[in-house]
Amino acid sequence: MTFKQLKQKPYFKVITNFYVLALTIFVVWMFFFDENSFLTHREFNKEINELETSIDYYKNRISDDKSTIEKLQDSLSLERYAREKYLMKRENEDVYIIEFDTIKK
């Protein structure tokens, strides 16, 4: 196929149109190379999703901590919490930590 025959094809006329070429270059530039390109927006959306999941996690942690604080308003539950978590004890009292070995020899 010679160049003259190729020039007669309708799709060649459309592709070589100035406006089509300019629009194609513009779309490619905006899609890949621009500061606000699709790829940049995709990375920002991923980061937004990660931040939203971390917000949900921390909101759940805050609600759990608030419920723990409400429970610790009572002196008996505060004492129990201190004994279990921080191994605190009263005077004249000994605390023994027993660890169970689950490995059979």
N, C-alpha and C. Protein backbone atom coordinates (compact mmCIF):
# COMPACT_ATOMS: atom_id res chain seq x y z
N MET A 1 0.85 -1.18 0.00
CA MET A 1 0.00 0.00 0.00
C MET A 1 0.89 1.24 0.00
N THR A 2 0.67 2.09 -0.96
CA THR A 2 1.48 3.30 -1.09
C THR A 2 0.90 4.40 -0.21
N PHE A 3 1.65 5.48 -0.12
CA PHE A 3 1.22 6.60 0.72
C PHE A 3 -0.02 7.28 0.13
N LYS A 4 -0.11 7.34 -1.18
CA LYS A 4 -1.29 7.95 -1.81
C LYS A 4 -2.54 7.13 -1.50
N GLN A 5 -2.44 5.83 -1.56
CA GLN A 5 -3.59 4.99 -1.24
C GLN A 5 -3.95 5.11 0.25
N LEU A 6 -2.93 5.22 1.07
CA LEU A 6 -3.18 5.36 2.50
C LEU A 6 -3.86 6.68 2.83
N LYS A 7 -3.50 7.74 2.09
CA LYS A 7 -4.12 9.04 2.31
C LYS A 7 -5.59 9.05 1.94
N GLN A 8 -6.02 8.16 1.09
CA GLN A 8 -7.41 8.11 0.65
C GLN A 8 -8.32 7.39 1.65
N LYS A 9 -7.75 6.66 2.59
CA LYS A 9 -8.55 5.93 3.57
C LYS A 9 -9.21 6.92 4.53
N PRO A 10 -10.47 6.68 4.92
CA PRO A 10 -11.17 7.64 5.80
C PRO A 10 -10.59 7.68 7.21
N TYR A 11 -10.13 6.58 7.74
CA TYR A 11 -9.58 6.61 9.09
C TYR A 11 -8.27 7.37 9.14
N PHE A 12 -7.50 7.34 8.06
CA PHE A 12 -6.25 8.10 8.01
C PHE A 12 -6.53 9.59 8.03
N LYS A 13 -7.58 10.01 7.34
CA LYS A 13 -7.96 11.42 7.34
C LYS A 13 -8.38 11.87 8.74
N VAL A 14 -9.08 11.00 9.45
CA VAL A 14 -9.52 11.36 10.80
C VAL A 14 -8.33 11.42 11.75
N ILE A 15 -7.45 10.45 11.66
CA ILE A 15 -6.30 10.39 12.57
C ILE A 15 -5.36 11.56 12.34
N THR A 16 -5.15 11.96 11.10
CA THR A 16 -4.22 13.04 10.80
C THR A 16 -4.85 14.42 10.90
N ASN A 17 -6.09 14.49 11.32
CA ASN A 17 -6.73 15.78 11.52
C ASN A 17 -6.02 16.49 12.68
N PHE A 18 -5.80 17.79 12.52
CA PHE A 18 -5.07 18.58 13.51
C PHE A 18 -5.76 18.55 14.87
N TYR A 19 -7.06 18.67 14.88
CA TYR A 19 -7.80 18.71 16.14
C TYR A 19 -7.76 17.36 16.87
N VAL A 20 -7.82 16.29 16.10
CA VAL A 20 -7.73 14.96 16.70
C VAL A 20 -6.34 14.75 17.29
N LEU A 21 -5.31 15.15 16.59
CA LEU A 21 -3.95 15.02 17.10
C LEU A 21 -3.76 15.88 18.36
N ALA A 22 -4.24 17.11 18.33
CA ALA A 22 -4.11 17.99 19.49
C ALA A 22 -4.87 17.44 20.69
N LEU A 23 -6.06 16.94 20.46
CA LEU A 23 -6.86 16.37 21.54
C LEU A 23 -6.19 15.12 22.11
N THR A 24 -5.62 14.29 21.26
CA THR A 24 -4.93 13.08 21.71
C THR A 24 -3.73 13.43 22.57
N ILE A 25 -2.94 14.38 22.12
CA ILE A 25 -1.77 14.81 22.89
C ILE A 25 -2.21 15.41 24.22
N PHE A 26 -3.27 16.20 24.22
CA PHE A 26 -3.78 16.81 25.44
C PHE A 26 -4.25 15.75 26.44
N VAL A 27 -4.98 14.76 25.96
CA VAL A 27 -5.50 13.71 26.84
C VAL A 27 -4.36 12.89 27.43
N VAL A 28 -3.39 12.54 26.61
CA VAL A 28 -2.25 11.77 27.10
C VAL A 28 -1.48 12.58 28.13
N TRP A 29 -1.28 13.85 27.86
CA TRP A 29 -0.57 14.72 28.80
C TRP A 29 -1.32 14.81 30.13
N MET A 30 -2.61 15.03 30.08
CA MET A 30 -3.40 15.17 31.31
C MET A 30 -3.50 13.83 32.06
N PHE A 31 -3.51 12.74 31.35
CA PHE A 31 -3.68 11.44 31.98
C PHE A 31 -2.41 10.97 32.67
N PHE A 32 -1.23 11.23 32.09
CA PHE A 32 0.01 10.68 32.62
C PHE A 32 0.98 11.70 33.18
N PHE A 33 1.15 12.84 32.52
CA PHE A 33 2.27 13.71 32.84
C PHE A 33 1.93 14.93 33.67
N ASP A 34 0.71 15.31 33.76
CA ASP A 34 0.34 16.53 34.47
C ASP A 34 0.47 16.32 35.98
N GLU A 35 0.56 17.44 36.69
CA GLU A 35 0.66 17.40 38.14
C GLU A 35 -0.60 16.79 38.76
N ASN A 36 -1.74 16.99 38.15
CA ASN A 36 -3.01 16.45 38.62
C ASN A 36 -3.47 15.27 37.78
N SER A 37 -2.55 14.41 37.42
CA SER A 37 -2.86 13.30 36.53
C SER A 37 -3.70 12.24 37.23
N PHE A 38 -4.21 11.34 36.44
CA PHE A 38 -5.01 10.23 36.95
C PHE A 38 -4.21 9.38 37.91
N LEU A 39 -2.95 9.15 37.61
CA LEU A 39 -2.11 8.33 38.46
C LEU A 39 -1.91 8.97 39.83
N THR A 40 -1.73 10.27 39.86
CA THR A 40 -1.58 10.99 41.12
C THR A 40 -2.86 10.91 41.93
N HIS A 41 -3.99 11.08 41.26
CA HIS A 41 -5.27 10.99 41.96
C HIS A 41 -5.51 9.58 42.51
N ARG A 42 -5.07 8.58 41.79
CA ARG A 42 -5.23 7.20 42.26
C ARG A 42 -4.40 6.97 43.52
N GLU A 43 -3.18 7.50 43.56
CA GLU A 43 -2.35 7.38 44.76
C GLU A 43 -2.99 8.12 45.93
N PHE A 44 -3.54 9.31 45.67
CA PHE A 44 -4.19 10.07 46.74
C PHE A 44 -5.42 9.33 47.26
N ASN A 45 -6.17 8.68 46.38
CA ASN A 45 -7.35 7.92 46.82
C ASN A 45 -6.95 6.74 47.69
N LYS A 46 -5.85 6.08 47.34
CA LYS A 46 -5.36 4.98 48.17
C LYS A 46 -4.97 5.50 49.56
N GLU A 47 -4.28 6.62 49.59
CA GLU A 47 -3.87 7.20 50.86
C GLU A 47 -5.09 7.63 51.69
N ILE A 48 -6.09 8.17 51.04
CA ILE A 48 -7.32 8.56 51.74
C ILE A 48 -8.00 7.33 52.34
N ASN A 49 -8.06 6.24 51.60
CA ASN A 49 -8.67 5.01 52.12
C ASN A 49 -7.91 4.47 53.32
N GLU A 50 -6.58 4.51 53.25
CA GLU A 50 -5.78 4.05 54.38
C GLU A 50 -6.01 4.92 55.61
N LEU A 51 -6.09 6.23 55.40
CA LEU A 51 -6.32 7.14 56.52
C LEU A 51 -7.71 6.96 57.11
N GLU A 52 -8.70 6.68 56.27
CA GLU A 52 -10.05 6.45 56.78
C GLU A 52 -10.12 5.17 57.61
N THR A 53 -9.41 4.14 57.18
CA THR A 53 -9.39 2.91 57.98
C THR A 53 -8.68 3.14 59.31
N SER A 54 -7.61 3.93 59.30
CA SER A 54 -6.94 4.20 60.57
C SER A 54 -7.81 5.07 61.47
N ILE A 55 -8.61 5.96 60.90
CA ILE A 55 -9.54 6.77 61.70
C ILE A 55 -10.56 5.87 62.36
N ASP A 56 -11.10 4.92 61.61
CA ASP A 56 -12.07 3.98 62.19
C ASP A 56 -11.43 3.15 63.32
N TYR A 57 -10.20 2.71 63.11
CA TYR A 57 -9.51 1.94 64.13
C TYR A 57 -9.35 2.75 65.41
N TYR A 58 -8.90 3.99 65.27
CA TYR A 58 -8.67 4.82 66.46
C TYR A 58 -9.97 5.24 67.12
N LYS A 59 -11.03 5.40 66.36
CA LYS A 59 -12.33 5.68 66.98
C LYS A 59 -12.79 4.50 67.83
N ASN A 60 -12.57 3.29 67.31
CA ASN A 60 -12.91 2.09 68.09
C ASN A 60 -12.06 2.00 69.35
N ARG A 61 -10.78 2.30 69.22
CA ARG A 61 -9.90 2.27 70.39
C ARG A 61 -10.33 3.31 71.43
N ILE A 62 -10.73 4.49 70.97
CA ILE A 62 -11.18 5.53 71.88
C ILE A 62 -12.43 5.09 72.62
N SER A 63 -13.38 4.49 71.91
CA SER A 63 -14.60 4.03 72.58
C SER A 63 -14.29 2.92 73.59
N ASP A 64 -13.35 2.02 73.26
CA ASP A 64 -12.95 0.99 74.20
C ASP A 64 -12.30 1.60 75.44
N ASP A 65 -11.45 2.58 75.23
CA ASP A 65 -10.79 3.24 76.36
C ASP A 65 -11.79 4.01 77.22
N LYS A 66 -12.78 4.62 76.60
CA LYS A 66 -13.80 5.33 77.38
C LYS A 66 -14.59 4.36 78.25
N SER A 67 -14.92 3.19 77.69
CA SER A 67 -15.64 2.20 78.49
C SER A 67 -14.76 1.69 79.63
N THR A 68 -13.47 1.53 79.39
CA THR A 68 -12.55 1.11 80.44
C THR A 68 -12.46 2.16 81.53
N ILE A 69 -12.40 3.42 81.15
CA ILE A 69 -12.35 4.51 82.13
C ILE A 69 -13.62 4.54 82.97
N GLU A 70 -14.75 4.32 82.33
CA GLU A 70 -16.01 4.29 83.09
C GLU A 70 -16.01 3.13 84.09
N LYS A 71 -15.47 1.99 83.69
CA LYS A 71 -15.41 0.86 84.60
C LYS A 71 -14.47 1.12 85.76
N LEU A 72 -13.40 1.89 85.52
CA LEU A 72 -12.40 2.12 86.55
C LEU A 72 -12.81 3.22 87.54
N GLN A 73 -13.96 3.79 87.40
CA GLN A 73 -14.43 4.79 88.35
C GLN A 73 -14.72 4.14 89.71
N ASP A 74 -15.04 2.88 89.71
CA ASP A 74 -15.28 2.13 90.94
C ASP A 74 -13.92 1.72 91.52
N SER A 75 -13.75 1.87 92.84
CA SER A 75 -12.45 1.58 93.46
C SER A 75 -12.11 0.09 93.41
N LEU A 76 -13.10 -0.78 93.52
CA LEU A 76 -12.82 -2.22 93.47
C LEU A 76 -12.34 -2.65 92.09
N SER A 77 -12.98 -2.15 91.06
CA SER A 77 -12.54 -2.52 89.72
C SER A 77 -11.19 -1.88 89.39
N LEU A 78 -10.91 -0.70 89.95
CA LEU A 78 -9.61 -0.06 89.76
C LEU A 78 -8.52 -0.91 90.41
N GLU A 79 -8.79 -1.39 91.61
CA GLU A 79 -7.83 -2.25 92.29
C GLU A 79 -7.60 -3.54 91.52
N ARG A 80 -8.66 -4.13 91.04
CA ARG A 80 -8.55 -5.37 90.26
C ARG A 80 -7.74 -5.15 88.98
N TYR A 81 -8.01 -4.03 88.30
CA TYR A 81 -7.27 -3.72 87.07
C TYR A 81 -5.78 -3.53 87.38
N ALA A 82 -5.46 -2.82 88.47
CA ALA A 82 -4.06 -2.59 88.83
C ALA A 82 -3.37 -3.91 89.17
N ARG A 83 -4.07 -4.80 89.85
CA ARG A 83 -3.48 -6.09 90.19
C ARG A 83 -3.23 -6.94 88.95
N GLU A 84 -4.16 -6.95 88.02
CA GLU A 84 -4.03 -7.81 86.84
C GLU A 84 -3.03 -7.26 85.83
N LYS A 85 -3.12 -5.98 85.56
CA LYS A 85 -2.29 -5.41 84.49
C LYS A 85 -0.89 -5.01 84.94
N TYR A 86 -0.79 -4.45 86.14
CA TYR A 86 0.49 -3.87 86.58
C TYR A 86 1.11 -4.65 87.73
N LEU A 87 0.51 -5.78 88.10
CA LEU A 87 1.04 -6.67 89.13
C LEU A 87 1.28 -5.92 90.45
N MET A 88 0.40 -5.03 90.78
CA MET A 88 0.50 -4.31 92.05
C MET A 88 -0.04 -5.19 93.17
N LYS A 89 0.38 -4.86 94.39
CA LYS A 89 -0.04 -5.67 95.53
C LYS A 89 -0.21 -4.78 96.75
N ARG A 90 -0.87 -5.34 97.73
CA ARG A 90 -1.02 -4.65 99.00
C ARG A 90 0.22 -4.91 99.84
N GLU A 91 0.33 -4.17 100.94
CA GLU A 91 1.42 -4.42 101.87
C GLU A 91 1.21 -5.79 102.51
N ASN A 92 2.31 -6.44 102.84
CA ASN A 92 2.29 -7.76 103.46
C ASN A 92 1.60 -8.79 102.56
N GLU A 93 1.74 -8.65 101.28
CA GLU A 93 1.13 -9.58 100.34
C GLU A 93 2.17 -9.94 99.29
N ASP A 94 2.24 -11.19 98.94
CA ASP A 94 3.19 -11.65 97.92
C ASP A 94 2.42 -12.02 96.67
N VAL A 95 3.02 -11.71 95.51
CA VAL A 95 2.40 -12.04 94.24
C VAL A 95 3.31 -13.04 93.53
N TYR A 96 2.74 -14.14 93.12
CA TYR A 96 3.48 -15.16 92.40
C TYR A 96 2.91 -15.25 90.98
N ILE A 97 3.80 -15.21 90.02
CA ILE A 97 3.40 -15.34 88.62
C ILE A 97 3.65 -16.77 88.19
N ILE A 98 2.59 -17.41 87.76
CA ILE A 98 2.69 -18.81 87.34
C ILE A 98 2.51 -18.87 85.83
N GLU A 99 3.53 -19.40 85.17
CA GLU A 99 3.45 -19.57 83.72
C GLU A 99 3.30 -21.06 83.43
N PHE A 100 2.40 -21.36 82.54
CA PHE A 100 2.15 -22.75 82.18
C PHE A 100 2.92 -23.07 80.92
N ASP A 101 3.69 -24.15 80.98
CA ASP A 101 4.45 -24.59 79.83
C ASP A 101 3.60 -25.60 79.06
N THR A 102 3.27 -25.28 77.81
CA THR A 102 2.40 -26.17 77.04
C THR A 102 3.18 -27.14 76.17
N ILE A 103 4.48 -27.06 76.20
CA ILE A 103 5.30 -27.95 75.37
C ILE A 103 5.53 -29.24 76.15
N LYS A 104 5.18 -30.38 75.54
CA LYS A 104 5.39 -31.67 76.17
C LYS A 104 6.74 -32.23 75.76
N LYS A 105 7.43 -32.76 76.73
CA LYS A 105 8.77 -33.32 76.44
C LYS A 105 8.73 -34.81 76.37
